[in-house]
């Protein structure tokens, strides 16, 4: 894997300021920000196709929005077990709150509320483990989607696990480097914001700009790293190409 390329490729594009600048703005606009997820998929696709300039243009905003919407829908499906399971302890605690309004039922309400709280924290531990596992498998899912571009491709878990197991070294290299990039850039921006954030108005604007810029840069590096991973996988013909 070309690690240096992953971290420096955005600045090799002559239009990187306009492409990533527009992406930063789009990423904070509700609903429209789905397009940024589609943009990341576009970077992965371009890297796998060995495009000279991996950063896509924004000419096809509708396509990027629809891709992002598909990815968001897939995320909802994967998150649904957590969301549904949370309803149980929350319902128990809500029921406890209703009972607590009855003077004669306050002890029972307290017991039910405590049971709901314990259940909530137990489930929270399970959810953290589930989220960690999902954070590992998600890049492979993203690569599959960038390859095929369909909602169904987001649920080819067997192929995704096969992709990771057969290419563990490049996959975990990309995964680890993406975490290092996120931590390092966020730390640097955090320190920079400490110095400029105290300046009224101008400092706040600079802090916001730095935060947005770091977000799109980290996402771009993430996409490039897994685009390289996808190129390794498909060029070795370890997974059947899309028909």
C-alpha atoms as a PDB file:
ATOM      1  CA  UNK A   1       0.000   0.000   0.000  1.00  0.00           C
ATOM      2  CA  UNK A   2       1.163   3.529  -0.814  1.00  0.00           C
ATOM      3  CA  UNK A   3       0.763   5.190   2.589  1.00  0.00           C
ATOM      4  CA  UNK A   4       2.376   8.467   1.563  1.00  0.00           C
ATOM      5  CA  UNK A   5       0.000   8.718  -1.399  1.00  0.00           C
ATOM      6  CA  UNK A   6      -3.045   8.262   0.858  1.00  0.00           C
ATOM      7  CA  UNK A   7      -2.051  11.220   3.027  1.00  0.00           C
ATOM      8  CA  UNK A   8      -0.908  13.523   0.233  1.00  0.00           C
ATOM      9  CA  UNK A   9      -3.203  12.782  -2.713  1.00  0.00           C
ATOM     10  CA  UNK A  10      -5.787  15.538  -2.023  1.00  0.00           C
ATOM     11  CA  UNK A  11      -3.157  18.244  -2.461  1.00  0.00           C
ATOM     12  CA  UNK A  12      -2.013  16.836  -5.798  1.00  0.00           C
ATOM     13  CA  UNK A  13      -5.369  17.769  -7.322  1.00  0.00           C
ATOM     14  CA  UNK A  14      -5.302  21.313  -8.727  1.00  0.00           C
ATOM     15  CA  UNK A  15      -8.955  21.758  -7.671  1.00  0.00           C
ATOM     16  CA  UNK A  16      -8.589  20.288  -4.206  1.00  0.00           C
ATOM     17  CA  UNK A  17      -9.617  23.506  -2.449  1.00  0.00           C
ATOM     18  CA  UNK A  18     -12.912  23.795  -4.338  1.00  0.00           C
ATOM     19  CA  UNK A  19     -13.662  20.063  -4.219  1.00  0.00           C
ATOM     20  CA  UNK A  20     -12.990  19.585  -0.518  1.00  0.00           C
ATOM     21  CA  UNK A  21     -14.258  23.059   0.379  1.00  0.00           C
ATOM     22  CA  UNK A  22     -17.622  22.334  -1.196  1.00  0.00           C
ATOM     23  CA  UNK A  23     -17.563  18.923   0.452  1.00  0.00           C
ATOM     24  CA  UNK A  24     -17.003  20.528   3.858  1.00  0.00           C
ATOM     25  CA  UNK A  25     -20.009  22.797   3.371  1.00  0.00           C
ATOM     26  CA  UNK A  26     -22.193  19.951   2.121  1.00  0.00           C
ATOM     27  CA  UNK A  27     -21.150  17.751   5.053  1.00  0.00           C
ATOM     28  CA  UNK A  28     -22.784  20.096   7.584  1.00  0.00           C
ATOM     29  CA  UNK A  29     -26.056  20.663   5.728  1.00  0.00           C
ATOM     30  CA  UNK A  30     -28.777  18.351   7.110  1.00  0.00           C
ATOM     31  CA  UNK A  31     -30.064  15.757   4.632  1.00  0.00           C
ATOM     32  CA  UNK A  32     -27.769  17.059   1.887  1.00  0.00           C
ATOM     33  CA  UNK A  33     -24.838  15.735   3.890  1.00  0.00           C
ATOM     34  CA  UNK A  34     -25.703  12.227   2.687  1.00  0.00           C
ATOM     35  CA  UNK A  35     -23.854  13.312  -0.460  1.00  0.00           C
ATOM     36  CA  UNK A  36     -20.577  13.361   1.450  1.00  0.00           C
ATOM     37  CA  UNK A  37     -20.870   9.612   2.113  1.00  0.00           C
ATOM     38  CA  UNK A  38     -21.476   9.182  -1.602  1.00  0.00           C
ATOM     39  CA  UNK A  39     -18.391  11.303  -2.269  1.00  0.00           C
ATOM     40  CA  UNK A  40     -16.279   8.998  -0.098  1.00  0.00           C
ATOM     41  CA  UNK A  41     -17.561   6.015  -2.068  1.00  0.00           C
ATOM     42  CA  UNK A  42     -16.559   7.919  -5.200  1.00  0.00           C
ATOM     43  CA  UNK A  43     -12.992   8.321  -3.902  1.00  0.00           C
ATOM     44  CA  UNK A  44     -12.795   4.592  -3.184  1.00  0.00           C
ATOM     45  CA  UNK A  45     -14.129   3.816  -6.665  1.00  0.00           C
ATOM     46  CA  UNK A  46     -11.649   6.165  -8.327  1.00  0.00           C
ATOM     47  CA  UNK A  47      -8.709   4.736  -6.398  1.00  0.00           C
ATOM     48  CA  UNK A  48      -9.718   1.195  -7.353  1.00  0.00           C
ATOM     49  CA  UNK A  49      -9.940   2.337 -10.985  1.00  0.00           C
ATOM     50  CA  UNK A  50      -6.518   4.047 -10.728  1.00  0.00           C
ATOM     51  CA  UNK A  51      -7.946   7.447 -11.687  1.00  0.00           C
ATOM     52  CA  UNK A  52      -5.296  10.138 -12.117  1.00  0.00           C
ATOM     53  CA  UNK A  53      -7.267  12.447  -9.803  1.00  0.00           C
ATOM     54  CA  UNK A  54      -9.093  10.374  -7.150  1.00  0.00           C
ATOM     55  CA  UNK A  55     -11.048  13.362  -5.813  1.00  0.00           C
ATOM     56  CA  UNK A  56     -14.359  13.344  -7.736  1.00  0.00           C
ATOM     57  CA  UNK A  57     -15.956  16.524  -9.030  1.00  0.00           C
ATOM     58  CA  UNK A  58     -19.343  17.629  -7.734  1.00  0.00           C
ATOM     59  CA  UNK A  59     -20.986  17.660 -11.171  1.00  0.00           C
ATOM     60  CA  UNK A  60     -23.177  14.654 -10.312  1.00  0.00           C
ATOM     61  CA  UNK A  61     -24.428  15.763  -6.899  1.00  0.00           C
ATOM     62  CA  UNK A  62     -27.627  13.740  -7.344  1.00  0.00           C
ATOM     63  CA  UNK A  63     -25.657  10.518  -7.815  1.00  0.00           C
ATOM     64  CA  UNK A  64     -23.558  11.189  -4.741  1.00  0.00           C
ATOM     65  CA  UNK A  65     -26.673  12.000  -2.723  1.00  0.00           C
ATOM     66  CA  UNK A  66     -28.407   8.775  -3.803  1.00  0.00           C
ATOM     67  CA  UNK A  67     -25.275   6.736  -2.982  1.00  0.00           C
ATOM     68  CA  UNK A  68     -25.105   8.380   0.431  1.00  0.00           C
ATOM     69  CA  UNK A  69     -28.789   7.719   0.998  1.00  0.00           C
ATOM     70  CA  UNK A  70     -28.263   4.030   0.210  1.00  0.00           C
ATOM     71  CA  UNK A  71     -25.362   3.870   2.672  1.00  0.00           C
ATOM     72  CA  UNK A  72     -27.445   5.608   5.331  1.00  0.00           C
ATOM     73  CA  UNK A  73     -30.265   3.123   4.769  1.00  0.00           C
ATOM     74  CA  UNK A  74     -27.815   0.241   5.163  1.00  0.00           C
ATOM     75  CA  UNK A  75     -26.484   1.824   8.367  1.00  0.00           C
ATOM     76  CA  UNK A  76     -30.025   2.004   9.725  1.00  0.00           C
ATOM     77  CA  UNK A  77     -30.491  -1.705   9.054  1.00  0.00           C
ATOM     78  CA  UNK A  78     -27.248  -2.549  10.861  1.00  0.00           C
ATOM     79  CA  UNK A  79     -28.116  -0.187  13.729  1.00  0.00           C
ATOM     80  CA  UNK A  80     -31.711  -1.415  14.068  1.00  0.00           C
ATOM     81  CA  UNK A  81     -30.889  -4.225  16.561  1.00  0.00           C
ATOM     82  CA  UNK A  82     -29.397  -1.631  18.907  1.00  0.00           C
ATOM     83  CA  UNK A  83     -32.238   0.832  18.401  1.00  0.00           C
ATOM     84  CA  UNK A  84     -34.930  -1.797  18.937  1.00  0.00           C
ATOM     85  CA  UNK A  85     -33.222  -3.302  21.988  1.00  0.00           C
ATOM     86  CA  UNK A  86     -32.904   0.142  23.576  1.00  0.00           C
ATOM     87  CA  UNK A  87     -36.670   0.506  23.497  1.00  0.00           C
ATOM     88  CA  UNK A  88     -37.037  -2.155  26.245  1.00  0.00           C
ATOM     89  CA  UNK A  89     -35.073  -0.478  29.082  1.00  0.00           C
ATOM     90  CA  UNK A  90     -36.342   2.947  28.047  1.00  0.00           C
ATOM     91  CA  UNK A  91     -39.927   1.661  28.154  1.00  0.00           C
ATOM     92  CA  UNK A  92     -39.303   0.144  31.589  1.00  0.00           C
ATOM     93  CA  UNK A  93     -37.924   3.426  32.919  1.00  0.00           C
ATOM     94  CA  UNK A  94     -40.800   5.364  31.351  1.00  0.00           C
ATOM     95  CA  UNK A  95     -43.277   2.975  33.001  1.00  0.00           C
ATOM     96  CA  UNK A  96     -41.462   3.511  36.296  1.00  0.00           C
ATOM     97  CA  UNK A  97     -41.895   7.253  35.893  1.00  0.00           C
ATOM     98  CA  UNK A  98     -45.630   6.815  35.365  1.00  0.00           C
ATOM     99  CA  UNK A  99     -45.977   4.607  38.455  1.00  0.00           C
ATOM    100  CA  UNK A 100     -43.978   7.040  40.594  1.00  0.00           C
ATOM    101  CA  UNK A 101     -46.854   9.494  40.305  1.00  0.00           C
ATOM    102  CA  UNK A 102     -48.947   7.131  42.426  1.00  0.00           C
ATOM    103  CA  UNK A 103     -48.078   7.556  46.118  1.00  0.00           C
ATOM    104  CA  UNK A 104     -48.710   3.908  46.957  1.00  0.00           C
ATOM    105  CA  UNK A 105     -46.587   2.622  44.071  1.00  0.00           C
ATOM    106  CA  UNK A 106     -43.408   4.628  44.591  1.00  0.00           C
ATOM    107  CA  UNK A 107     -41.350   1.726  46.016  1.00  0.00           C
ATOM    108  CA  UNK A 108     -42.369  -0.539  43.151  1.00  0.00           C
ATOM    109  CA  UNK A 109     -41.682   2.264  40.669  1.00  0.00           C
ATOM    110  CA  UNK A 110     -38.195   2.754  42.145  1.00  0.00           C
ATOM    111  CA  UNK A 111     -37.443  -0.972  41.865  1.00  0.00           C
ATOM    112  CA  UNK A 112     -38.668  -1.103  38.273  1.00  0.00           C
ATOM    113  CA  UNK A 113     -36.672   2.019  37.427  1.00  0.00           C
ATOM    114  CA  UNK A 114     -33.489   0.542  38.900  1.00  0.00           C
ATOM    115  CA  UNK A 115     -34.021  -2.690  36.967  1.00  0.00           C
ATOM    116  CA  UNK A 116     -34.492  -0.676  33.784  1.00  0.00           C
ATOM    117  CA  UNK A 117     -31.293   1.261  34.497  1.00  0.00           C
ATOM    118  CA  UNK A 118     -29.268  -1.921  35.065  1.00  0.00           C
ATOM    119  CA  UNK A 119     -30.649  -3.433  31.856  1.00  0.00           C
ATOM    120  CA  UNK A 120     -29.798  -0.241  29.972  1.00  0.00           C
ATOM    121  CA  UNK A 121     -26.144  -0.276  31.070  1.00  0.00           C
ATOM    122  CA  UNK A 122     -25.807  -4.007  30.359  1.00  0.00           C
ATOM    123  CA  UNK A 123     -27.155  -3.480  26.855  1.00  0.00           C
ATOM    124  CA  UNK A 124     -24.893  -0.454  26.445  1.00  0.00           C
ATOM    125  CA  UNK A 125     -21.840  -2.676  26.986  1.00  0.00           C
ATOM    126  CA  UNK A 126     -23.122  -5.074  24.327  1.00  0.00           C
ATOM    127  CA  UNK A 127     -23.781  -2.160  21.974  1.00  0.00           C
ATOM    128  CA  UNK A 128     -20.226  -0.871  22.385  1.00  0.00           C
ATOM    129  CA  UNK A 129     -18.847  -4.275  21.379  1.00  0.00           C
ATOM    130  CA  UNK A 130     -21.300  -4.444  18.465  1.00  0.00           C
ATOM    131  CA  UNK A 131     -20.321  -0.960  17.311  1.00  0.00           C
ATOM    132  CA  UNK A 132     -16.619  -1.879  17.482  1.00  0.00           C
ATOM    133  CA  UNK A 133     -17.219  -4.996  15.393  1.00  0.00           C
ATOM    134  CA  UNK A 134     -19.256  -2.969  12.904  1.00  0.00           C
ATOM    135  CA  UNK A 135     -16.476  -0.373  12.634  1.00  0.00           C
ATOM    136  CA  UNK A 136     -14.156  -3.169  11.499  1.00  0.00           C
ATOM    137  CA  UNK A 137     -16.491  -4.736   8.946  1.00  0.00           C
ATOM    138  CA  UNK A 138     -17.907  -1.441   7.620  1.00  0.00           C
ATOM    139  CA  UNK A 139     -14.901  -0.495   5.420  1.00  0.00           C
ATOM    140  CA  UNK A 140     -15.208  -3.814   3.572  1.00  0.00           C
ATOM    141  CA  UNK A 141     -18.921  -3.138   3.099  1.00  0.00           C
ATOM    142  CA  UNK A 142     -18.063   0.322   1.773  1.00  0.00           C
ATOM    143  CA  UNK A 143     -15.606  -1.190  -0.702  1.00  0.00           C
ATOM    144  CA  UNK A 144     -18.263  -3.659  -1.868  1.00  0.00           C
ATOM    145  CA  UNK A 145     -20.721  -0.823  -2.345  1.00  0.00           C
ATOM    146  CA  UNK A 146     -18.182   1.293  -4.243  1.00  0.00           C
ATOM    147  CA  UNK A 147     -17.636  -1.704  -6.522  1.00  0.00           C
ATOM    148  CA  UNK A 148     -21.289  -2.553  -7.173  1.00  0.00           C
ATOM    149  CA  UNK A 149     -23.274   0.533  -6.171  1.00  0.00           C
ATOM    150  CA  UNK A 150     -26.369  -1.327  -4.960  1.00  0.00           C
ATOM    151  CA  UNK A 151     -28.221  -1.547  -1.653  1.00  0.00           C
ATOM    152  CA  UNK A 152     -27.904  -5.349  -1.735  1.00  0.00           C
ATOM    153  CA  UNK A 153     -24.103  -5.104  -1.945  1.00  0.00           C
ATOM    154  CA  UNK A 154     -24.066  -3.584   1.555  1.00  0.00           C
ATOM    155  CA  UNK A 155     -25.275  -6.897   2.987  1.00  0.00           C
ATOM    156  CA  UNK A 156     -22.863  -9.317   1.341  1.00  0.00           C
ATOM    157  CA  UNK A 157     -21.338 -10.107   4.702  1.00  0.00           C
ATOM    158  CA  UNK A 158     -19.893 -13.433   3.610  1.00  0.00           C
ATOM    159  CA  UNK A 159     -17.966 -11.729   0.807  1.00  0.00           C
ATOM    160  CA  UNK A 160     -16.922  -8.930   3.151  1.00  0.00           C
ATOM    161  CA  UNK A 161     -15.554 -11.362   5.751  1.00  0.00           C
ATOM    162  CA  UNK A 162     -13.856 -13.326   2.993  1.00  0.00           C
ATOM    163  CA  UNK A 163     -12.310 -10.112   1.682  1.00  0.00           C
ATOM    164  CA  UNK A 164     -10.891  -9.271   5.114  1.00  0.00           C
ATOM    165  CA  UNK A 165      -9.691 -12.767   5.996  1.00  0.00           C
ATOM    166  CA  UNK A 166      -7.836 -13.249   2.698  1.00  0.00           C
ATOM    167  CA  UNK A 167      -6.272  -9.798   2.826  1.00  0.00           C
ATOM    168  CA  UNK A 168      -5.832  -9.236   6.551  1.00  0.00           C
ATOM    169  CA  UNK A 169      -2.476  -7.450   6.302  1.00  0.00           C
ATOM    170  CA  UNK A 170      -3.524  -4.634   3.908  1.00  0.00           C
ATOM    171  CA  UNK A 171      -6.956  -4.366   5.506  1.00  0.00           C
ATOM    172  CA  UNK A 172      -5.730  -3.846   9.059  1.00  0.00           C
ATOM    173  CA  UNK A 173      -2.946  -1.620   7.783  1.00  0.00           C
ATOM    174  CA  UNK A 174      -5.581   0.631   6.228  1.00  0.00           C
ATOM    175  CA  UNK A 175      -7.821   0.354   9.283  1.00  0.00           C
ATOM    176  CA  UNK A 176      -5.023   1.166  11.715  1.00  0.00           C
ATOM    177  CA  UNK A 177      -3.667   4.059   9.653  1.00  0.00           C
ATOM    178  CA  UNK A 178      -7.152   5.567   9.357  1.00  0.00           C
ATOM    179  CA  UNK A 179      -7.395   5.579  13.157  1.00  0.00           C
ATOM    180  CA  UNK A 180      -3.925   7.116  13.463  1.00  0.00           C
ATOM    181  CA  UNK A 181      -4.852   9.799  10.912  1.00  0.00           C
ATOM    182  CA  UNK A 182      -8.093  10.602  12.729  1.00  0.00           C
ATOM    183  CA  UNK A 183      -6.346  10.827  16.104  1.00  0.00           C
ATOM    184  CA  UNK A 184      -3.338  12.786  14.863  1.00  0.00           C
ATOM    185  CA  UNK A 185      -5.236  15.341  12.803  1.00  0.00           C
ATOM    186  CA  UNK A 186      -7.899  15.806  15.489  1.00  0.00           C
ATOM    187  CA  UNK A 187      -5.202  16.337  18.113  1.00  0.00           C
ATOM    188  CA  UNK A 188      -3.404  18.911  15.959  1.00  0.00           C
ATOM    189  CA  UNK A 189      -6.631  20.765  15.186  1.00  0.00           C
ATOM    190  CA  UNK A 190      -7.598  20.654  18.858  1.00  0.00           C
ATOM    191  CA  UNK A 191      -4.350  22.358  19.850  1.00  0.00           C
ATOM    192  CA  UNK A 192      -4.737  24.922  17.063  1.00  0.00           C
ATOM    193  CA  UNK A 193      -8.269  25.718  18.245  1.00  0.00           C
ATOM    194  CA  UNK A 194      -6.959  26.336  21.765  1.00  0.00           C
ATOM    195  CA  UNK A 195      -4.884  29.207  20.414  1.00  0.00           C
ATOM    196  CA  UNK A 196      -7.396  30.772  18.035  1.00  0.00           C
ATOM    197  CA  UNK A 197     -10.662  29.911  19.768  1.00  0.00           C
ATOM    198  CA  UNK A 198     -10.329  32.686  22.341  1.00  0.00           C
ATOM    199  CA  UNK A 199     -10.362  35.359  19.609  1.00  0.00           C
ATOM    200  CA  UNK A 200     -13.950  36.655  19.292  1.00  0.00           C
ATOM    201  CA  UNK A 201     -15.686  36.127  15.940  1.00  0.00           C
ATOM    202  CA  UNK A 202     -12.590  35.650  13.753  1.00  0.00           C
ATOM    203  CA  UNK A 203     -11.162  32.955  16.012  1.00  0.00           C
ATOM    204  CA  UNK A 204     -14.486  31.140  16.110  1.00  0.00           C
ATOM    205  CA  UNK A 205     -14.733  31.195  12.333  1.00  0.00           C
ATOM    206  CA  UNK A 206     -11.170  29.879  12.008  1.00  0.00           C
ATOM    207  CA  UNK A 207     -11.908  27.118  14.534  1.00  0.00           C
ATOM    208  CA  UNK A 208     -14.998  26.069  12.611  1.00  0.00           C
ATOM    209  CA  UNK A 209     -13.057  26.104   9.355  1.00  0.00           C
ATOM    210  CA  UNK A 210     -10.260  23.990  10.828  1.00  0.00           C
ATOM    211  CA  UNK A 211     -12.752  21.477  12.220  1.00  0.00           C
ATOM    212  CA  UNK A 212     -14.548  21.148   8.889  1.00  0.00           C
ATOM    213  CA  UNK A 213     -11.288  20.909   6.952  1.00  0.00           C
ATOM    214  CA  UNK A 214      -9.937  18.211   9.262  1.00  0.00           C
ATOM    215  CA  UNK A 215     -13.157  16.223   8.927  1.00  0.00           C
ATOM    216  CA  UNK A 216     -13.113  16.099   5.125  1.00  0.00           C
ATOM    217  CA  UNK A 217      -9.363  15.440   5.067  1.00  0.00           C
ATOM    218  CA  UNK A 218      -9.611  12.501   7.496  1.00  0.00           C
ATOM    219  CA  UNK A 219     -12.522  11.074   5.498  1.00  0.00           C
ATOM    220  CA  UNK A 220     -10.578  11.447   2.249  1.00  0.00           C
ATOM    221  CA  UNK A 221      -7.524   9.650   3.674  1.00  0.00           C
ATOM    222  CA  UNK A 222      -9.828   6.894   5.003  1.00  0.00           C
ATOM    223  CA  UNK A 223     -11.436   6.487   1.577  1.00  0.00           C
ATOM    224  CA  UNK A 224      -8.091   6.424  -0.245  1.00  0.00           C
ATOM    225  CA  UNK A 225      -6.638   3.803   2.096  1.00  0.00           C
ATOM    226  CA  UNK A 226      -9.599   1.488   1.592  1.00  0.00           C
ATOM    227  CA  UNK A 227      -9.665   2.266  -2.114  1.00  0.00           C
ATOM    228  CA  UNK A 228      -6.111   0.882  -2.229  1.00  0.00           C
ATOM    229  CA  UNK A 229      -7.293  -2.121  -0.237  1.00  0.00           C
ATOM    230  CA  UNK A 230     -10.151  -2.662  -2.710  1.00  0.00           C
ATOM    231  CA  UNK A 231      -7.738  -2.449  -5.633  1.00  0.00           C
ATOM    232  CA  UNK A 232      -5.549  -5.139  -4.047  1.00  0.00           C
ATOM    233  CA  UNK A 233      -8.547  -7.398  -3.496  1.00  0.00           C
ATOM    234  CA  UNK A 234     -10.138  -7.152  -6.919  1.00  0.00           C
ATOM    235  CA  UNK A 235      -6.949  -7.071  -8.954  1.00  0.00           C
ATOM    236  CA  UNK A 236      -5.909 -10.352  -7.411  1.00  0.00           C
ATOM    237  CA  UNK A 237      -9.252 -11.777  -8.595  1.00  0.00           C
ATOM    238  CA  UNK A 238     -10.034 -13.044  -5.145  1.00  0.00           C
ATOM    239  CA  UNK A 239     -13.601 -11.887  -5.530  1.00  0.00           C
ATOM    240  CA  UNK A 240     -15.584 -12.212  -8.718  1.00  0.00           C
ATOM    241  CA  UNK A 241     -15.839  -8.938 -10.652  1.00  0.00           C
ATOM    242  CA  UNK A 242     -19.142  -7.189 -10.998  1.00  0.00           C
ATOM    243  CA  UNK A 243     -21.076  -8.168 -14.108  1.00  0.00           C
END
